[in-house]
Amino acid sequence: MSQSGVSVAPDCITKFNELKLNKKLKFIIYKLSDDYKEIVIEETSENGDWDFFREKLLSAQSKSKTGKIGKGPRYAIYDFDYELAAGEGSRSKITFIAWSPDDAGIQPKMVYASSKDALKRALNGIATEFQANDEEDIEYGSVLKKVSKGGA
């Protein structure tokens, strides 16, 4: 249970463990249910194309309690693969992304911000995490720098 009273659906943990252990899924996108009471899975995919994933975040929508639809925050897990710069091989890091676009509604952003830790605590094995607020924050090069800590 989070500060906001939001709970994490059991399926969220099951799918995360599947991504972590089976290495078939490349990403999971989580959202708050329409009643803002539970974090649920919006989508999972085996498609490892970063631009495909990025577009999913950019087009996410949320409904406020008044019914207004606008850009929506999301949580995401991405199994990020990259090559080390010095030819030392490749790495894979399970990355938690808190996507909260600057132009999303105030209420969804507040509930997502206060519920994030509940999801993170439920998902054991996250290697790195970051907050993203605009398109540049989720450009491949920008994410690669954060995930690899400059080593790629």
N, C-alpha and C. Protein backbone atom coordinates (compact mmCIF):
# COMPACT_ATOMS: atom_id res chain seq x y z
N MET A 1 0.85 -1.18 0.00
CA MET A 1 0.00 0.00 0.00
C MET A 1 0.89 1.24 0.00
N SER A 2 0.54 2.21 -0.81
CA SER A 2 1.35 3.42 -0.94
C SER A 2 0.82 4.53 -0.04
N GLN A 3 1.50 5.66 -0.04
CA GLN A 3 1.06 6.84 0.71
C GLN A 3 -0.32 7.28 0.23
N SER A 4 -0.60 7.06 -1.04
CA SER A 4 -1.87 7.50 -1.61
C SER A 4 -2.99 6.47 -1.40
N GLY A 5 -2.65 5.32 -0.80
CA GLY A 5 -3.66 4.29 -0.59
C GLY A 5 -3.83 3.36 -1.78
N VAL A 6 -2.97 3.51 -2.79
CA VAL A 6 -3.03 2.69 -4.00
C VAL A 6 -2.34 1.36 -3.73
N SER A 7 -2.94 0.26 -4.19
CA SER A 7 -2.32 -1.05 -4.03
C SER A 7 -1.75 -1.53 -5.37
N VAL A 8 -0.92 -2.56 -5.33
CA VAL A 8 -0.30 -3.12 -6.52
C VAL A 8 -0.99 -4.45 -6.84
N ALA A 9 -1.54 -4.58 -8.05
CA ALA A 9 -2.19 -5.82 -8.46
C ALA A 9 -1.16 -6.95 -8.49
N PRO A 10 -1.52 -8.15 -8.03
CA PRO A 10 -0.57 -9.28 -8.01
C PRO A 10 0.04 -9.59 -9.38
N ASP A 11 -0.72 -9.38 -10.45
CA ASP A 11 -0.23 -9.64 -11.80
C ASP A 11 0.98 -8.78 -12.15
N CYS A 12 1.07 -7.59 -11.55
CA CYS A 12 2.22 -6.70 -11.79
C CYS A 12 3.52 -7.38 -11.39
N ILE A 13 3.49 -8.07 -10.26
CA ILE A 13 4.68 -8.74 -9.74
C ILE A 13 4.98 -9.99 -10.56
N THR A 14 3.94 -10.74 -10.89
CA THR A 14 4.10 -11.97 -11.67
C THR A 14 4.76 -11.68 -13.02
N LYS A 15 4.26 -10.67 -13.72
CA LYS A 15 4.82 -10.33 -15.05
C LYS A 15 6.25 -9.80 -14.92
N PHE A 16 6.53 -9.03 -13.87
CA PHE A 16 7.88 -8.53 -13.66
C PHE A 16 8.85 -9.71 -13.48
N ASN A 17 8.46 -10.68 -12.67
CA ASN A 17 9.32 -11.85 -12.45
C ASN A 17 9.51 -12.64 -13.73
N GLU A 18 8.48 -12.67 -14.57
CA GLU A 18 8.58 -13.32 -15.88
C GLU A 18 9.63 -12.60 -16.73
N LEU A 19 9.57 -11.27 -16.78
CA LEU A 19 10.54 -10.47 -17.55
C LEU A 19 11.95 -10.74 -17.02
N LYS A 20 12.08 -10.73 -15.71
CA LYS A 20 13.40 -10.87 -15.07
C LYS A 20 14.00 -12.26 -15.28
N LEU A 21 13.19 -13.28 -15.15
CA LEU A 21 13.71 -14.65 -15.18
C LEU A 21 13.70 -15.30 -16.56
N ASN A 22 12.65 -15.08 -17.33
CA ASN A 22 12.52 -15.75 -18.62
C ASN A 22 13.20 -15.01 -19.76
N LYS A 23 13.43 -13.72 -19.59
CA LYS A 23 14.10 -12.88 -20.59
C LYS A 23 13.40 -12.88 -21.96
N LYS A 24 12.07 -13.10 -21.97
CA LYS A 24 11.32 -13.00 -23.23
C LYS A 24 10.70 -11.62 -23.36
N LEU A 25 10.06 -11.15 -22.30
CA LEU A 25 9.46 -9.82 -22.33
C LEU A 25 10.56 -8.76 -22.32
N LYS A 26 10.35 -7.67 -23.07
CA LYS A 26 11.31 -6.57 -23.08
C LYS A 26 10.83 -5.40 -22.23
N PHE A 27 9.49 -5.23 -22.17
CA PHE A 27 9.01 -4.15 -21.32
C PHE A 27 7.62 -4.43 -20.78
N ILE A 28 7.32 -3.74 -19.69
CA ILE A 28 6.00 -3.75 -19.07
C ILE A 28 5.65 -2.29 -18.79
N ILE A 29 4.44 -1.89 -19.16
CA ILE A 29 3.96 -0.56 -18.84
C ILE A 29 2.82 -0.71 -17.83
N TYR A 30 2.96 -0.01 -16.72
CA TYR A 30 1.97 -0.04 -15.65
C TYR A 30 1.21 1.28 -15.63
N LYS A 31 -0.04 1.21 -15.20
CA LYS A 31 -0.84 2.43 -15.04
C LYS A 31 -1.70 2.29 -13.81
N LEU A 32 -2.29 3.39 -13.40
CA LEU A 32 -3.27 3.35 -12.33
C LEU A 32 -4.62 3.01 -12.93
N SER A 33 -5.39 2.20 -12.22
CA SER A 33 -6.73 1.86 -12.69
C SER A 33 -7.56 3.16 -12.76
N ASP A 34 -8.64 3.12 -13.50
CA ASP A 34 -9.46 4.33 -13.70
C ASP A 34 -9.99 4.91 -12.39
N ASP A 35 -10.14 4.07 -11.38
CA ASP A 35 -10.61 4.58 -10.08
C ASP A 35 -9.46 5.00 -9.16
N TYR A 36 -8.23 4.95 -9.68
CA TYR A 36 -7.03 5.38 -8.95
C TYR A 36 -6.80 4.59 -7.66
N LYS A 37 -7.23 3.33 -7.61
CA LYS A 37 -7.07 2.53 -6.39
C LYS A 37 -6.02 1.43 -6.52
N GLU A 38 -5.61 1.12 -7.76
CA GLU A 38 -4.70 -0.01 -7.94
C GLU A 38 -3.78 0.24 -9.13
N ILE A 39 -2.52 -0.22 -8.99
CA ILE A 39 -1.58 -0.19 -10.11
C ILE A 39 -1.77 -1.50 -10.86
N VAL A 40 -2.02 -1.38 -12.18
CA VAL A 40 -2.29 -2.54 -13.02
C VAL A 40 -1.38 -2.51 -14.25
N ILE A 41 -1.32 -3.63 -14.95
CA ILE A 41 -0.54 -3.68 -16.19
C ILE A 41 -1.37 -3.12 -17.33
N GLU A 42 -0.77 -2.19 -18.08
CA GLU A 42 -1.42 -1.69 -19.28
C GLU A 42 -1.00 -2.52 -20.49
N GLU A 43 0.29 -2.86 -20.55
CA GLU A 43 0.79 -3.59 -21.71
C GLU A 43 2.12 -4.27 -21.39
N THR A 44 2.33 -5.42 -22.02
CA THR A 44 3.64 -6.09 -21.99
C THR A 44 4.01 -6.37 -23.44
N SER A 45 5.30 -6.48 -23.71
CA SER A 45 5.72 -6.75 -25.09
C SER A 45 7.08 -7.43 -25.12
N GLU A 46 7.26 -8.24 -26.15
CA GLU A 46 8.57 -8.85 -26.43
C GLU A 46 9.34 -8.01 -27.44
N ASN A 47 8.73 -6.94 -27.95
CA ASN A 47 9.35 -6.07 -28.93
C ASN A 47 10.41 -5.21 -28.23
N GLY A 48 11.68 -5.40 -28.60
CA GLY A 48 12.77 -4.69 -27.96
C GLY A 48 13.14 -3.37 -28.63
N ASP A 49 12.36 -2.91 -29.60
CA ASP A 49 12.65 -1.66 -30.29
C ASP A 49 12.36 -0.48 -29.36
N TRP A 50 13.40 0.31 -29.03
CA TRP A 50 13.24 1.42 -28.09
C TRP A 50 12.21 2.42 -28.57
N ASP A 51 12.21 2.76 -29.85
CA ASP A 51 11.27 3.76 -30.36
C ASP A 51 9.82 3.29 -30.24
N PHE A 52 9.59 2.00 -30.41
CA PHE A 52 8.25 1.43 -30.23
C PHE A 52 7.80 1.63 -28.78
N PHE A 53 8.67 1.31 -27.84
CA PHE A 53 8.39 1.48 -26.42
C PHE A 53 8.17 2.96 -26.08
N ARG A 54 9.07 3.80 -26.56
CA ARG A 54 9.02 5.24 -26.29
C ARG A 54 7.69 5.84 -26.75
N GLU A 55 7.24 5.42 -27.93
CA GLU A 55 5.98 5.93 -28.47
C GLU A 55 4.80 5.55 -27.56
N LYS A 56 4.87 4.38 -26.96
CA LYS A 56 3.81 3.95 -26.03
C LYS A 56 3.72 4.93 -24.85
N LEU A 57 4.87 5.33 -24.33
CA LEU A 57 4.85 6.30 -23.22
C LEU A 57 4.35 7.66 -23.67
N LEU A 58 4.83 8.10 -24.83
CA LEU A 58 4.44 9.43 -25.32
C LEU A 58 2.94 9.53 -25.61
N SER A 59 2.32 8.42 -25.99
CA SER A 59 0.89 8.47 -26.34
C SER A 59 -0.02 8.06 -25.17
N ALA A 60 0.55 7.81 -24.00
CA ALA A 60 -0.26 7.40 -22.84
C ALA A 60 -1.22 8.50 -22.43
N GLN A 61 -2.42 8.09 -22.05
CA GLN A 61 -3.44 9.04 -21.61
C GLN A 61 -4.00 8.62 -20.26
N SER A 62 -4.44 9.60 -19.50
CA SER A 62 -5.08 9.34 -18.21
C SER A 62 -6.38 10.12 -18.13
N LYS A 63 -7.28 9.58 -17.34
CA LYS A 63 -8.55 10.26 -17.10
C LYS A 63 -8.55 10.78 -15.67
N SER A 64 -8.87 12.06 -15.51
CA SER A 64 -8.94 12.61 -14.16
C SER A 64 -10.24 12.14 -13.51
N LYS A 65 -10.38 12.40 -12.23
CA LYS A 65 -11.60 11.98 -11.53
C LYS A 65 -12.83 12.70 -12.06
N THR A 66 -12.62 13.84 -12.72
CA THR A 66 -13.74 14.57 -13.32
C THR A 66 -14.07 14.05 -14.71
N GLY A 67 -13.26 13.11 -15.21
CA GLY A 67 -13.52 12.51 -16.52
C GLY A 67 -12.73 13.13 -17.66
N LYS A 68 -11.94 14.15 -17.38
CA LYS A 68 -11.16 14.81 -18.42
C LYS A 68 -9.99 13.91 -18.83
N ILE A 69 -9.80 13.74 -20.14
CA ILE A 69 -8.71 12.91 -20.65
C ILE A 69 -7.57 13.80 -21.13
N GLY A 70 -6.36 13.44 -20.72
CA GLY A 70 -5.18 14.19 -21.13
C GLY A 70 -3.97 13.27 -21.14
N LYS A 71 -2.79 13.86 -21.36
CA LYS A 71 -1.56 13.06 -21.33
C LYS A 71 -1.44 12.40 -19.98
N GLY A 72 -0.92 11.17 -19.99
CA GLY A 72 -0.91 10.43 -18.75
C GLY A 72 0.45 9.95 -18.30
N PRO A 73 0.69 10.01 -17.01
CA PRO A 73 1.90 9.41 -16.44
C PRO A 73 1.82 7.88 -16.53
N ARG A 74 2.95 7.23 -16.44
CA ARG A 74 3.02 5.77 -16.42
C ARG A 74 4.27 5.36 -15.65
N TYR A 75 4.26 4.11 -15.23
CA TYR A 75 5.47 3.47 -14.72
C TYR A 75 5.84 2.45 -15.78
N ALA A 76 7.12 2.21 -15.95
CA ALA A 76 7.53 1.21 -16.93
C ALA A 76 8.77 0.48 -16.44
N ILE A 77 8.85 -0.77 -16.85
CA ILE A 77 10.04 -1.58 -16.65
C ILE A 77 10.54 -1.93 -18.05
N TYR A 78 11.81 -1.67 -18.30
CA TYR A 78 12.40 -1.98 -19.61
C TYR A 78 13.69 -2.75 -19.37
N ASP A 79 13.84 -3.88 -20.04
CA ASP A 79 15.06 -4.68 -19.96
C ASP A 79 16.03 -4.09 -20.98
N PHE A 80 16.88 -3.18 -20.52
CA PHE A 80 17.73 -2.36 -21.38
C PHE A 80 19.06 -3.04 -21.65
N ASP A 81 19.32 -3.38 -22.92
CA ASP A 81 20.58 -4.00 -23.33
C ASP A 81 21.47 -2.94 -23.98
N TYR A 82 22.77 -3.01 -23.69
CA TYR A 82 23.70 -2.08 -24.33
C TYR A 82 25.10 -2.68 -24.35
N GLU A 83 25.92 -2.14 -25.25
CA GLU A 83 27.32 -2.58 -25.40
C GLU A 83 28.22 -1.60 -24.64
N LEU A 84 29.20 -2.13 -23.96
CA LEU A 84 30.17 -1.28 -23.28
C LEU A 84 31.12 -0.67 -24.30
N ALA A 85 31.52 0.57 -24.07
CA ALA A 85 32.33 1.33 -25.04
C ALA A 85 33.69 0.70 -25.31
N ALA A 86 34.32 0.17 -24.31
CA ALA A 86 35.69 -0.34 -24.46
C ALA A 86 35.72 -1.76 -25.03
N GLY A 87 34.63 -2.20 -25.63
CA GLY A 87 34.59 -3.54 -26.20
C GLY A 87 34.60 -4.64 -25.14
N GLU A 88 34.12 -4.30 -23.96
CA GLU A 88 34.13 -5.25 -22.84
C GLU A 88 32.86 -6.09 -22.78
N GLY A 89 32.12 -6.14 -23.86
CA GLY A 89 30.92 -6.97 -23.90
C GLY A 89 29.64 -6.19 -23.73
N SER A 90 28.57 -6.93 -23.53
CA SER A 90 27.27 -6.29 -23.41
C SER A 90 26.73 -6.45 -22.00
N ARG A 91 25.80 -5.57 -21.66
CA ARG A 91 25.15 -5.59 -20.36
C ARG A 91 23.64 -5.50 -20.56
N SER A 92 22.93 -5.92 -19.55
CA SER A 92 21.47 -5.83 -19.54
C SER A 92 21.08 -5.34 -18.16
N LYS A 93 20.27 -4.28 -18.12
CA LYS A 93 19.83 -3.74 -16.83
C LYS A 93 18.33 -3.56 -16.84
N ILE A 94 17.69 -4.11 -15.82
CA ILE A 94 16.25 -3.91 -15.67
C ILE A 94 16.06 -2.52 -15.10
N THR A 95 15.37 -1.69 -15.87
CA THR A 95 15.27 -0.27 -15.59
C THR A 95 13.84 0.12 -15.27
N PHE A 96 13.66 0.85 -14.19
CA PHE A 96 12.35 1.38 -13.79
C PHE A 96 12.28 2.83 -14.25
N ILE A 97 11.24 3.16 -14.99
CA ILE A 97 11.05 4.52 -15.49
C ILE A 97 9.74 5.07 -14.93
N ALA A 98 9.82 6.21 -14.28
CA ALA A 98 8.63 6.91 -13.83
C ALA A 98 8.38 8.02 -14.86
N TRP A 99 7.42 7.80 -15.76
CA TRP A 99 7.12 8.74 -16.83
C TRP A 99 6.00 9.65 -16.36
N SER A 100 6.29 10.94 -16.25
CA SER A 100 5.29 11.91 -15.81
C SER A 100 5.47 13.18 -16.65
N PRO A 101 4.84 13.22 -17.83
CA PRO A 101 5.05 14.36 -18.72
C PRO A 101 4.66 15.68 -18.06
N ASP A 102 5.46 16.70 -18.32
CA ASP A 102 5.22 18.02 -17.74
C ASP A 102 3.81 18.53 -18.03
N ASP A 103 3.27 18.17 -19.20
CA ASP A 103 1.95 18.68 -19.58
C ASP A 103 0.79 17.73 -19.24
N ALA A 104 1.04 16.77 -18.36
CA ALA A 104 -0.04 15.91 -17.87
C ALA A 104 -0.81 16.67 -16.79
N GLY A 105 -2.00 16.20 -16.48
CA GLY A 105 -2.82 16.85 -15.45
C GLY A 105 -2.17 16.77 -14.08
N ILE A 106 -2.46 17.76 -13.26
CA ILE A 106 -1.89 17.84 -11.91
C ILE A 106 -2.30 16.63 -11.06
N GLN A 107 -3.59 16.30 -11.06
CA GLN A 107 -4.06 15.22 -10.20
C GLN A 107 -3.40 13.88 -10.55
N PRO A 108 -3.40 13.45 -11.84
CA PRO A 108 -2.71 12.18 -12.14
C PRO A 108 -1.24 12.21 -11.74
N LYS A 109 -0.55 13.33 -11.98
CA LYS A 109 0.87 13.41 -11.62
C LYS A 109 1.07 13.26 -10.12
N MET A 110 0.20 13.85 -9.32
CA MET A 110 0.33 13.76 -7.86
C MET A 110 0.09 12.32 -7.38
N VAL A 111 -0.93 11.66 -7.91
CA VAL A 111 -1.23 10.29 -7.48
C VAL A 111 -0.11 9.35 -7.92
N TYR A 112 0.38 9.51 -9.15
CA TYR A 112 1.48 8.67 -9.63
C TYR A 112 2.73 8.89 -8.77
N ALA A 113 3.04 10.13 -8.44
CA ALA A 113 4.24 10.41 -7.64
C ALA A 113 4.14 9.78 -6.25
N SER A 114 2.96 9.83 -5.65
CA SER A 114 2.81 9.30 -4.29
C SER A 114 2.62 7.78 -4.26
N SER A 115 2.44 7.16 -5.43
CA SER A 115 2.22 5.71 -5.49
C SER A 115 3.44 4.94 -6.00
N LYS A 116 4.42 5.65 -6.53
CA LYS A 116 5.58 5.02 -7.18
C LYS A 116 6.33 4.05 -6.26
N ASP A 117 6.56 4.44 -5.03
CA ASP A 117 7.36 3.60 -4.13
C ASP A 117 6.70 2.26 -3.83
N ALA A 118 5.36 2.23 -3.81
CA ALA A 118 4.67 0.96 -3.56
C ALA A 118 5.01 -0.05 -4.65
N LEU A 119 5.02 0.40 -5.91
CA LEU A 119 5.35 -0.49 -7.02
C LEU A 119 6.81 -0.89 -6.97
N LYS A 120 7.70 0.08 -6.75
CA LYS A 120 9.13 -0.23 -6.69
C LYS A 120 9.46 -1.23 -5.59
N ARG A 121 8.82 -1.09 -4.44
CA ARG A 121 9.06 -2.03 -3.33
C ARG A 121 8.58 -3.44 -3.69
N ALA A 122 7.54 -3.54 -4.50
CA ALA A 122 6.98 -4.84 -4.86
C ALA A 122 7.82 -5.57 -5.91
N LEU A 123 8.63 -4.83 -6.65
CA LEU A 123 9.41 -5.40 -7.76
C LEU A 123 10.87 -5.56 -7.34
N ASN A 124 11.27 -6.76 -6.99
CA ASN A 124 12.64 -7.01 -6.54
C ASN A 124 13.54 -7.35 -7.73
N GLY A 125 14.60 -6.57 -7.90
CA GLY A 125 15.55 -6.84 -8.98
C GLY A 125 15.71 -5.70 -9.96
N ILE A 126 15.24 -4.50 -9.58
CA ILE A 126 15.42 -3.33 -10.44
C ILE A 126 16.87 -2.87 -10.31
N ALA A 127 17.56 -2.76 -11.45
CA ALA A 127 18.98 -2.38 -11.43
C ALA A 127 19.17 -0.87 -11.40
N THR A 128 18.32 -0.15 -12.09
CA THR A 128 18.45 1.30 -12.16
C THR A 128 17.08 1.92 -12.35
N GLU A 129 16.97 3.20 -12.03
CA GLU A 129 15.69 3.88 -12.19
C GLU A 129 15.91 5.35 -12.49
N PHE A 130 14.93 5.96 -13.12
CA PHE A 130 14.98 7.39 -13.33
C PHE A 130 13.59 7.94 -13.58
N GLN A 131 13.48 9.24 -13.37
CA GLN A 131 12.25 10.00 -13.60
C GLN A 131 12.37 10.67 -14.97
N ALA A 132 11.31 10.61 -15.78
CA ALA A 132 11.32 11.26 -17.09
C ALA A 132 10.10 12.17 -17.19
N ASN A 133 10.34 13.42 -17.62
CA ASN A 133 9.27 14.40 -17.68
C ASN A 133 9.02 14.99 -19.06
N ASP A 134 9.92 14.75 -20.00
CA ASP A 134 9.68 15.25 -21.36
C ASP A 134 10.31 14.30 -22.37
N GLU A 135 10.06 14.55 -23.65
CA GLU A 135 10.50 13.65 -24.71
C GLU A 135 12.01 13.41 -24.69
N GLU A 136 12.78 14.45 -24.39
CA GLU A 136 14.24 14.30 -24.38
C GLU A 136 14.70 13.32 -23.30
N ASP A 137 13.97 13.28 -22.19
CA ASP A 137 14.34 12.38 -21.09
C ASP A 137 14.27 10.91 -21.50
N ILE A 138 13.46 10.60 -22.53
CA ILE A 138 13.34 9.20 -22.96
C ILE A 138 13.87 8.98 -24.38
N GLU A 139 14.76 9.88 -24.82
CA GLU A 139 15.52 9.65 -26.06
C GLU A 139 16.51 8.53 -25.75
N TYR A 140 16.77 7.67 -26.73
CA TYR A 140 17.65 6.51 -26.51
C TYR A 140 19.01 6.92 -25.93
N GLY A 141 19.64 7.92 -26.51
CA GLY A 141 20.97 8.34 -26.06
C GLY A 141 20.97 8.83 -24.62
N SER A 142 19.94 9.56 -24.25
CA SER A 142 19.81 10.08 -22.89
C SER A 142 19.64 8.94 -21.89
N VAL A 143 18.82 7.96 -22.25
CA VAL A 143 18.57 6.81 -21.38
C VAL A 143 19.83 5.94 -21.28
N LEU A 144 20.50 5.75 -22.40
CA LEU A 144 21.73 4.95 -22.43
C LEU A 144 22.76 5.54 -21.46
N LYS A 145 22.90 6.87 -21.45
CA LYS A 145 23.83 7.53 -20.53
C LYS A 145 23.47 7.25 -19.07
N LYS A 146 22.16 7.34 -18.76
CA LYS A 146 21.71 7.11 -17.38
C LYS A 146 21.93 5.65 -16.97
N VAL A 147 21.52 4.74 -17.83
CA VAL A 147 21.56 3.31 -17.50
C VAL A 147 23.00 2.80 -17.40
N SER A 148 23.85 3.23 -18.35
CA SER A 148 25.23 2.74 -18.38
C SER A 148 26.17 3.55 -17.50
N LYS A 149 25.66 4.65 -16.95
CA LYS A 149 26.46 5.58 -16.14
C LYS A 149 27.68 6.04 -16.93
N GLY A 150 27.46 6.28 -18.23
CA GLY A 150 28.52 6.79 -19.10
C GLY A 150 29.47 5.74 -19.64
N GLY A 151 29.23 4.47 -19.34
CA GLY A 151 30.17 3.41 -19.76
C GLY A 151 29.90 2.82 -21.12
N ALA A 152 28.87 3.31 -21.81
CA ALA A 152 28.55 2.74 -23.13
C ALA A 152 28.99 3.66 -24.24
